[in-house]
Amino acid sequence: MPPDDSSAALGPSSLTASTSAPAPAPTSAPTSPPRRSRIAALDVLRGFALCGILLANVRPIASTVELAAPSAPRATDAWQGALVDQRFFPIFSLLFGIGFSLLLSSAADRATRPRLLLLRRLLVLLAMGLIHMFLLWRGDILTIYAAVGLLVLLPSTWLPRWAVAGLAAVLVPASLVVGGDRIVLIAGLFLLGSALTRYGVVDRIERSIRVPALLGLLLAAAAVPALWWQNAAGADVATSAFSVSFALAGLLIAGVYVNVLLVLLRTRLRPVLRMVFAPLGRMALTNYLSATVLVLSTRHVIGGSGETWTVTTASTIVGAILAAQWVFSSIWLRQYRFGPLEWLWRWATWAQRPPLRRTP
């Protein structure tokens, strides 16, 4: 499924996080928030997840028939079943919850009715998702994010942070108990991201290397038997065992990716990671939606359809699209503060046109 204080994973982030339920400030009307420092790690994580989501979705987008998902990987693309499929949307879901709470904290300081801004933002996201779904690709995730945001995330803003954390702790494992249900998992990850923000964890996300290193090792150790279980259950994708093992392995691998990136951001690779992934992450909404157009255009040019593309063909197409998006995003962000769709989304959220071009 994306601005310094966006409410979704498809949007940007700020340094301000609420550590308790925010109280609205007595201002007369919402004002566009000023520029603030960004959390670089969130931009990198968002850009990284965007790359993985496109790699997982490229063949379903280009298919003329609906592909079953998840499906047992063929021998030629077993690596994708282990490392790509269902491994990146959990990262996006977590970031959506984080961004939502960051925006609530920002809006509470600038508007008398901050939740009205969040409602408006989710409704605009829903509209974008429905257009994307019915005109381009039925596998759109924005509609699900918006709907779950309206039904779960927005009401949770009236709850204390301990209740939000408790619900997250229930919903995430519950999604596995009910057979790897994606909607339940998304709701749990939304709440987990919100709780991490409200407890101040996001503020400290780049201050430690020991915590992500230890957590990454624990998740990697747990992922090994989960991948073995997924592989063993993959002989019959119709079984509930495969669905649960697939979802569990995906969740654990996603956690490994997040913590590995957080560790690498504390090394000399930080400038490289920011250069490669941050431009894509800062324009994630624009890039997510434009990727569908580019994939469908590619199918029209080269012929065939996604279900017949080999892993090599699909990977080459993904690489070309991401390279083009990276160049465009990098050039665009030198002149403008937000991506095109991010700017429109922000405008709709605050009901006030924000400045787009950077000042000298």
Protein backbone atom coordinates (compact mmCIF):
# COMPACT_ATOMS: atom_id res chain seq x y z
CA MET A 1 0.00 0.00 0.00
CA PRO A 2 3.86 6.03 0.71
CA PRO A 3 5.22 14.15 4.25
CA ASP A 4 6.62 14.16 7.58
CA ASP A 5 3.73 12.76 9.57
CA SER A 6 1.75 10.51 7.32
CA SER A 7 -0.76 8.14 8.85
CA ALA A 8 0.15 5.08 6.90
CA ALA A 9 2.96 2.85 5.92
CA LEU A 10 2.58 4.24 2.47
CA GLY A 11 3.47 7.64 3.85
CA PRO A 12 6.26 9.37 5.76
CA SER A 13 7.12 9.62 9.43
CA SER A 14 8.22 12.10 12.06
CA LEU A 15 10.22 12.05 15.23
CA THR A 16 7.26 12.84 17.43
CA ALA A 17 5.50 9.84 18.99
CA SER A 18 2.79 9.77 21.60
CA THR A 19 3.54 7.89 24.78
CA SER A 20 -0.02 8.13 26.04
CA ALA A 21 -3.46 8.78 24.64
CA PRO A 22 -3.14 12.25 23.04
CA ALA A 23 -5.41 15.10 24.04
CA PRO A 24 -6.60 17.61 21.45
CA ALA A 25 -5.16 21.11 21.64
CA PRO A 26 -7.58 24.03 21.72
CA THR A 27 -6.91 25.44 18.28
CA SER A 28 -9.59 26.81 16.04
CA ALA A 29 -8.75 24.95 12.84
CA PRO A 30 -6.20 22.51 11.52
CA THR A 31 -3.04 24.03 10.20
CA SER A 32 -0.53 22.37 7.95
CA PRO A 33 2.28 21.04 10.15
CA PRO A 34 5.76 22.49 9.73
CA ARG A 35 8.69 20.51 8.43
CA ARG A 36 10.26 18.30 11.06
CA SER A 37 13.06 15.80 11.25
CA ARG A 38 12.32 12.42 9.73
CA ILE A 39 12.98 9.00 11.18
CA ALA A 40 15.31 7.66 8.52
CA ALA A 41 14.84 4.04 9.57
CA LEU A 42 11.12 4.17 8.74
CA ASP A 43 11.81 5.52 5.26
CA VAL A 44 14.33 2.74 4.66
CA LEU A 45 12.00 0.03 5.97
CA ARG A 46 9.15 1.35 3.87
CA GLY A 47 11.25 1.44 0.70
CA PHE A 48 12.61 -2.05 1.38
CA ALA A 49 9.10 -3.43 1.92
CA LEU A 50 7.89 -1.73 -1.26
CA CYS A 51 10.54 -3.60 -3.27
CA GLY A 52 9.53 -6.94 -1.78
CA ILE A 53 5.83 -6.34 -2.29
CA LEU A 54 6.34 -5.62 -5.97
CA LEU A 55 8.45 -8.77 -6.34
CA ALA A 56 5.67 -10.79 -4.73
CA ASN A 57 2.87 -9.12 -6.72
CA VAL A 58 4.32 -8.72 -10.19
CA ARG A 59 3.02 -12.02 -11.57
CA PRO A 60 -0.45 -11.77 -9.97
CA ILE A 61 -0.82 -8.21 -11.31
CA ALA A 62 0.09 -9.30 -14.84
CA SER A 63 -2.02 -12.44 -14.78
CA THR A 64 -5.12 -12.78 -16.92
CA VAL A 65 -6.56 -15.24 -14.41
CA GLU A 66 -6.65 -14.97 -10.64
CA LEU A 67 -3.64 -16.70 -9.13
CA ALA A 68 -4.11 -18.60 -5.92
CA ALA A 69 -2.21 -17.05 -3.04
CA PRO A 70 -0.46 -18.44 -1.27
CA SER A 71 0.45 -21.35 -3.49
CA ALA A 72 3.06 -24.03 -3.20
CA PRO A 73 6.26 -22.75 -4.84
CA ARG A 74 7.71 -24.67 -7.74
CA ALA A 75 11.22 -26.02 -7.50
CA THR A 76 12.47 -23.18 -9.68
CA ASP A 77 11.11 -20.49 -7.37
CA ALA A 78 11.29 -22.11 -3.95
CA TRP A 79 13.40 -19.18 -2.79
CA GLN A 80 10.46 -16.86 -3.43
CA GLY A 81 8.15 -18.99 -1.34
CA ALA A 82 10.70 -18.91 1.46
CA LEU A 83 11.88 -15.30 1.33
CA VAL A 84 9.36 -13.19 -0.59
CA ASP A 85 5.74 -14.30 -0.62
CA GLN A 86 3.79 -12.96 2.37
CA ARG A 87 7.05 -11.65 3.88
CA PHE A 88 6.69 -7.93 3.22
CA PHE A 89 3.08 -6.93 3.80
CA PRO A 90 3.55 -7.49 7.59
CA ILE A 91 6.26 -4.79 7.50
CA PHE A 92 3.91 -2.42 5.70
CA SER A 93 1.11 -3.20 8.15
CA LEU A 94 3.33 -2.46 11.13
CA LEU A 95 4.48 0.81 9.55
CA PHE A 96 0.87 1.78 8.86
CA GLY A 97 0.06 1.56 12.55
CA ILE A 98 3.18 3.51 13.45
CA GLY A 99 2.43 6.27 10.96
CA PHE A 100 -1.18 6.48 12.07
CA SER A 101 -0.24 7.18 15.68
CA LEU A 102 2.46 9.63 14.63
CA LEU A 103 -0.12 11.60 12.67
CA LEU A 104 -2.58 11.52 15.57
CA SER A 105 0.07 12.97 17.85
CA SER A 106 0.83 15.69 15.30
CA ALA A 107 -2.83 16.45 14.60
CA ALA A 108 -3.64 16.67 18.32
CA ASP A 109 -1.29 19.66 18.57
CA ARG A 110 -2.83 21.46 15.61
CA ALA A 111 -6.56 20.73 15.47
CA THR A 112 -9.52 20.66 17.80
CA ARG A 113 -10.77 17.43 16.21
CA PRO A 114 -7.69 15.42 15.27
CA ARG A 115 -9.61 12.20 14.73
CA LEU A 116 -11.63 13.92 12.04
CA LEU A 117 -8.38 14.37 10.11
CA LEU A 118 -7.61 10.68 10.51
CA LEU A 119 -11.11 9.75 9.38
CA ARG A 120 -10.75 11.94 6.31
CA ARG A 121 -7.36 10.43 5.55
CA LEU A 122 -8.65 6.87 5.76
CA LEU A 123 -11.66 7.67 3.57
CA VAL A 124 -9.41 9.18 0.91
CA LEU A 125 -7.19 6.09 1.08
CA LEU A 126 -10.30 3.92 0.68
CA ALA A 127 -11.30 5.88 -2.41
CA MET A 128 -7.83 5.47 -3.91
CA GLY A 129 -7.90 1.76 -3.16
CA LEU A 130 -11.32 1.25 -4.74
CA ILE A 131 -10.24 3.05 -7.90
CA HIS A 132 -7.07 0.96 -8.01
CA MET A 133 -9.03 -2.23 -7.38
CA PHE A 134 -11.78 -1.81 -9.94
CA LEU A 135 -9.77 -0.13 -12.69
CA LEU A 136 -6.40 -1.87 -12.45
CA TRP A 137 -5.94 -4.82 -10.10
CA ARG A 138 -8.29 -6.74 -7.82
CA GLY A 139 -5.46 -7.59 -5.44
CA ASP A 140 -5.22 -4.02 -4.13
CA ILE A 141 -4.25 -3.77 -0.44
CA LEU A 142 -5.21 -0.12 0.15
CA THR A 143 -8.90 -0.91 0.49
CA ILE A 144 -8.16 -3.48 3.18
CA TYR A 145 -5.86 -1.09 5.01
CA ALA A 146 -8.44 1.69 4.91
CA ALA A 147 -11.29 -0.57 6.04
CA VAL A 148 -9.31 -2.11 8.90
CA GLY A 149 -8.09 1.35 9.82
CA LEU A 150 -11.66 2.62 10.05
CA LEU A 151 -12.95 -0.38 11.98
CA VAL A 152 -9.99 -1.09 14.27
CA LEU A 153 -7.26 1.52 14.25
CA LEU A 154 -9.35 4.68 14.51
CA PRO A 155 -11.54 3.37 17.39
CA SER A 156 -8.38 2.25 19.21
CA THR A 157 -7.32 5.88 19.61
CA TRP A 158 -9.85 6.18 22.44
CA LEU A 159 -8.23 3.26 24.29
CA PRO A 160 -5.28 3.51 26.69
CA ARG A 161 -2.01 2.33 25.26
CA TRP A 162 -1.90 -0.79 27.46
CA ALA A 163 -5.23 -1.91 25.99
CA VAL A 164 -3.95 -1.34 22.44
CA ALA A 165 -0.84 -3.40 23.21
CA GLY A 166 -2.98 -6.13 24.76
CA LEU A 167 -5.26 -6.33 21.73
CA ALA A 168 -2.23 -6.56 19.45
CA ALA A 169 -0.83 -9.39 21.57
CA VAL A 170 -4.14 -11.24 21.14
CA LEU A 171 -4.86 -10.57 17.46
CA VAL A 172 -1.45 -11.44 15.99
CA PRO A 173 -1.36 -15.02 17.36
CA ALA A 174 -5.13 -15.31 16.85
CA SER A 175 -4.61 -14.78 13.13
CA LEU A 176 -2.52 -17.96 13.10
CA VAL A 177 -5.01 -19.91 15.17
CA VAL A 178 -7.78 -19.17 12.67
CA GLY A 179 -5.67 -20.39 9.78
CA GLY A 180 -3.43 -17.49 8.92
CA ASP A 181 -6.25 -14.99 8.39
CA ARG A 182 -4.74 -11.92 6.76
CA ILE A 183 -7.36 -9.43 7.95
CA VAL A 184 -6.91 -10.40 11.60
CA LEU A 185 -3.12 -10.26 11.20
CA ILE A 186 -3.27 -6.80 9.62
CA ALA A 187 -5.46 -5.54 12.46
CA GLY A 188 -3.03 -6.95 15.02
CA LEU A 189 0.00 -5.43 13.32
CA PHE A 190 -1.75 -2.06 13.00
CA LEU A 191 -2.33 -2.08 16.75
CA LEU A 192 1.20 -3.29 17.45
CA GLY A 193 2.64 -0.39 15.44
CA SER A 194 0.36 2.04 17.26
CA ALA A 195 1.38 0.64 20.65
CA LEU A 196 5.09 0.86 19.81
CA THR A 197 4.61 4.51 18.92
CA ARG A 198 2.56 5.38 21.98
CA TYR A 199 5.09 3.69 24.27
CA GLY A 200 7.93 5.72 22.71
CA VAL A 201 9.70 2.74 21.14
CA VAL A 202 9.65 4.37 17.70
CA ASP A 203 11.43 7.41 19.12
CA ARG A 204 14.27 5.13 20.17
CA ILE A 205 14.29 2.93 17.10
CA GLU A 206 17.76 4.06 15.95
CA ARG A 207 19.42 4.40 19.34
CA SER A 208 20.28 0.76 20.00
CA ILE A 209 21.99 -2.01 18.11
CA ARG A 210 21.84 -4.71 20.77
CA VAL A 211 18.06 -4.98 20.95
CA PRO A 212 17.43 -5.45 17.20
CA ALA A 213 20.48 -7.74 16.95
CA LEU A 214 19.22 -10.01 19.73
CA LEU A 215 15.63 -9.91 18.54
CA GLY A 216 16.71 -10.65 14.98
CA LEU A 217 18.66 -13.71 16.11
CA LEU A 218 15.70 -15.02 18.11
CA LEU A 219 13.32 -14.53 15.19
CA ALA A 220 15.77 -16.18 12.79
CA ALA A 221 16.06 -19.19 15.09
CA ALA A 222 12.28 -19.47 15.22
CA ALA A 223 11.98 -19.03 11.45
CA VAL A 224 14.06 -22.13 10.68
CA PRO A 225 11.53 -24.68 11.98
CA ALA A 226 8.68 -22.55 10.62
CA LEU A 227 10.17 -22.73 7.12
CA TRP A 228 10.68 -26.46 7.50
CA TRP A 229 7.02 -26.80 8.51
CA GLN A 230 5.93 -24.68 5.56
CA ASN A 231 7.96 -26.81 3.17
CA ALA A 232 6.61 -30.03 4.67
CA ALA A 233 3.01 -28.81 4.49
CA GLY A 234 3.45 -27.40 0.99
CA ALA A 235 2.64 -30.72 -0.67
CA ASP A 236 -1.03 -29.90 -0.20
CA VAL A 237 -1.77 -26.18 -0.18
CA ALA A 238 -5.41 -26.85 0.63
CA THR A 239 -4.58 -27.90 4.19
CA SER A 240 -4.89 -25.50 7.09
CA ALA A 241 -1.40 -26.57 8.17
CA PHE A 242 0.09 -24.95 5.08
CA SER A 243 -1.86 -21.72 5.60
CA VAL A 244 -0.75 -21.46 9.23
CA SER A 245 2.87 -22.41 8.54
CA PHE A 246 3.02 -20.02 5.59
CA ALA A 247 1.68 -17.12 7.67
CA LEU A 248 3.90 -17.93 10.65
CA ALA A 249 7.04 -18.18 8.53
CA GLY A 250 6.12 -14.95 6.76
CA LEU A 251 5.67 -13.11 10.03
CA LEU A 252 8.98 -14.35 11.43
CA ILE A 253 10.95 -13.64 8.26
CA ALA A 254 9.45 -10.13 8.14
CA GLY A 255 10.67 -9.58 11.70
CA VAL A 256 14.14 -10.77 10.74
CA TYR A 257 14.24 -8.35 7.82
CA VAL A 258 13.22 -5.41 10.01
CA ASN A 259 15.81 -6.11 12.69
CA VAL A 260 18.61 -6.81 10.22
CA LEU A 261 17.98 -3.47 8.55
CA LEU A 262 17.92 -1.69 11.91
CA VAL A 263 21.30 -3.23 12.74
CA LEU A 264 22.77 -2.36 9.34
CA LEU A 265 21.59 1.23 9.75
CA ARG A 266 23.99 1.48 12.67
CA THR A 267 26.94 0.51 10.47
CA ARG A 268 28.83 2.13 7.61
CA LEU A 269 26.15 0.84 5.26
CA ARG A 270 23.70 3.43 6.55
CA PRO A 271 24.34 6.00 3.75
CA VAL A 272 23.96 3.28 1.11
CA LEU A 273 20.71 1.96 2.58
CA ARG A 274 19.29 5.46 2.80
CA MET A 275 20.32 6.25 -0.76
CA VAL A 276 18.78 3.04 -2.13
CA PHE A 277 15.57 2.68 -0.16
CA ALA A 278 14.61 6.07 1.34
CA PRO A 279 13.52 7.75 -1.95
CA LEU A 280 11.24 4.80 -2.70
CA GLY A 281 9.90 4.83 0.85
CA ARG A 282 9.18 8.54 0.92
CA MET A 283 7.04 8.17 -2.20
CA ALA A 284 5.63 4.74 -1.38
CA LEU A 285 2.00 5.55 -2.22
CA THR A 286 2.92 7.00 -5.60
CA ASN A 287 5.26 4.11 -6.33
CA TYR A 288 2.84 1.41 -5.17
CA LEU A 289 0.06 2.61 -7.45
CA SER A 290 2.28 3.48 -10.40
CA ALA A 291 3.89 0.03 -10.24
CA THR A 292 0.58 -1.56 -11.23
CA VAL A 293 0.37 0.67 -14.29
CA LEU A 294 3.97 -0.15 -15.22
CA VAL A 295 3.49 -3.91 -14.81
CA LEU A 296 0.33 -3.92 -16.92
CA SER A 297 2.05 -1.77 -19.56
CA THR A 298 4.98 -4.18 -19.62
CA ARG A 299 2.65 -7.14 -20.12
CA HIS A 300 1.05 -5.34 -23.04
CA VAL A 301 4.45 -4.68 -24.63
CA ILE A 302 6.15 -8.08 -24.17
CA GLY A 303 3.01 -10.18 -24.41
CA GLY A 304 2.10 -13.23 -22.41
CA SER A 305 0.76 -12.99 -18.88
CA GLY A 306 2.02 -13.23 -15.35
CA GLU A 307 1.11 -16.87 -14.82
CA THR A 308 3.48 -17.83 -17.65
CA TRP A 309 6.38 -15.59 -16.66
CA THR A 310 9.44 -17.30 -15.24
CA VAL A 311 11.06 -16.09 -12.05
CA THR A 312 13.88 -14.61 -14.14
CA THR A 313 11.45 -12.67 -16.33
CA ALA A 314 9.46 -11.42 -13.36
CA SER A 315 12.59 -10.42 -11.44
CA THR A 316 13.98 -8.54 -14.43
CA ILE A 317 10.74 -6.61 -14.84
CA VAL A 318 10.68 -5.77 -11.13
CA GLY A 319 14.28 -4.59 -11.25
CA ALA A 320 13.58 -2.33 -14.21
CA ILE A 321 10.47 -0.84 -12.63
CA LEU A 322 12.16 -0.22 -9.29
CA ALA A 323 15.15 1.36 -10.98
CA ALA A 324 12.90 3.72 -12.92
CA GLN A 325 10.93 4.57 -9.79
CA TRP A 326 14.11 5.17 -7.81
CA VAL A 327 15.42 7.59 -10.44
CA PHE A 328 12.10 9.42 -10.63
CA SER A 329 11.70 9.55 -6.83
CA SER A 330 15.24 10.81 -6.29
CA ILE A 331 14.92 13.56 -8.88
CA TRP A 332 11.42 14.54 -7.77
CA LEU A 333 12.35 14.83 -4.07
CA ARG A 334 15.20 17.20 -4.88
CA GLN A 335 12.64 19.75 -6.05
CA TYR A 336 9.53 18.87 -4.08
CA ARG A 337 8.75 18.06 -0.47
CA PHE A 338 6.31 15.22 -1.13
CA GLY A 339 5.51 12.73 -3.83
CA PRO A 340 2.60 13.65 -6.14
CA LEU A 341 0.01 11.40 -4.53
CA GLU A 342 1.45 11.97 -1.06
CA TRP A 343 0.93 15.68 -1.57
CA LEU A 344 -2.70 15.21 -2.65
CA TRP A 345 -3.31 12.84 0.25
CA ARG A 346 -1.87 15.35 2.69
CA TRP A 347 -3.99 18.10 1.16
CA ALA A 348 -7.14 16.02 1.62
CA THR A 349 -6.16 15.13 5.18
CA TRP A 350 -5.60 18.67 6.42
CA ALA A 351 -8.18 20.30 4.12
CA GLN A 352 -5.49 22.83 3.28
CA ARG A 353 -3.05 22.83 0.38
CA PRO A 354 0.47 22.26 1.68
CA PRO A 355 3.48 23.83 -0.06
CA LEU A 356 4.93 21.41 -2.56
CA ARG A 357 8.08 22.93 -4.00
CA ARG A 358 11.14 23.14 -1.82
CA THR A 359 12.33 26.63 -0.96
CA PRO A 360 15.99 27.47 -1.70
